[in-house]
Amino acid sequence: MTNDTISAEDPITGDEIQIPADVEVGEIIDSPVTGTELEVVAVDPIALEEAPELEEDWGE
């Protein structure tokens, strides 16, 4: 079985990275270059953005 990946541009460094081919919009992946969490914002064509920091709401 092959490990299907696709190329995408790391929005922080501009480097080309390999990500799983079956990613979906809204999915969070870790950049193999910086370790930063990236959010998939589009899949055709593939587009990544730095994932927003989640703020704690503590149930408020």
Protein backbone atom coordinates (compact mmCIF):
# COMPACT_ATOMS: atom_id res chain seq x y z
CA MET A 1 0.00 0.00 0.00
CA THR A 2 1.34 3.42 -0.91
CA ASN A 3 1.32 6.44 1.33
CA ASP A 4 -0.57 8.91 -0.89
CA THR A 5 0.50 12.49 -0.34
CA ILE A 6 0.10 15.76 -2.19
CA SER A 7 2.27 18.86 -2.30
CA ALA A 8 1.16 22.05 -0.60
CA GLU A 9 2.85 25.31 0.30
CA ASP A 10 3.64 25.96 3.94
CA PRO A 11 2.06 29.41 4.50
CA ILE A 12 4.70 30.36 7.05
CA THR A 13 7.91 29.46 5.23
CA GLY A 14 6.75 29.12 1.63
CA ASP A 15 8.38 25.68 1.51
CA GLU A 16 6.70 22.88 -0.39
CA ILE A 17 5.49 20.21 2.03
CA GLN A 18 3.85 16.83 1.61
CA ILE A 19 0.49 16.28 3.27
CA PRO A 20 -1.93 13.33 3.17
CA ALA A 21 -3.93 13.26 -0.07
CA ASP A 22 -7.18 12.60 1.80
CA VAL A 23 -7.20 15.78 3.93
CA GLU A 24 -10.51 17.61 4.31
CA VAL A 25 -11.37 21.29 4.76
CA GLY A 26 -11.09 22.23 8.43
CA GLU A 27 -8.57 19.51 9.21
CA ILE A 28 -5.55 20.51 11.30
CA ILE A 29 -2.13 19.15 10.34
CA ASP A 30 1.34 19.79 11.70
CA SER A 31 3.86 21.41 9.38
CA PRO A 32 6.82 19.06 8.87
CA VAL A 33 9.02 22.16 8.46
CA THR A 34 8.09 24.31 11.47
CA GLY A 35 5.87 22.05 13.58
CA THR A 36 3.20 24.76 13.46
CA GLU A 37 -0.42 23.67 13.30
CA LEU A 38 -1.88 24.39 9.86
CA GLU A 39 -5.54 24.36 8.88
CA VAL A 40 -6.72 23.06 5.51
CA VAL A 41 -8.89 25.88 4.13
CA ALA A 42 -9.43 24.49 0.61
CA VAL A 43 -8.75 21.22 -1.16
CA ASP A 44 -9.04 22.12 -4.86
CA PRO A 45 -6.54 23.61 -5.11
CA ILE A 46 -5.04 22.76 -1.73
CA ALA A 47 -4.65 25.79 0.53
CA LEU A 48 -3.27 25.95 4.06
CA GLU A 49 -3.32 28.70 6.67
CA GLU A 50 -1.80 28.92 10.12
CA ALA A 51 -4.37 27.43 12.47
CA PRO A 52 -5.93 29.95 14.85
CA GLU A 53 -4.99 29.64 18.49
CA LEU A 54 -7.83 28.09 20.43
CA GLU A 55 -8.83 30.22 23.36
CA GLU A 56 -10.07 28.65 26.54
CA ASP A 57 -13.63 29.66 27.33
CA TRP A 58 -13.89 27.61 30.52
CA GLY A 59 -17.57 27.05 29.83
CA GLU A 60 -18.46 30.74 29.96
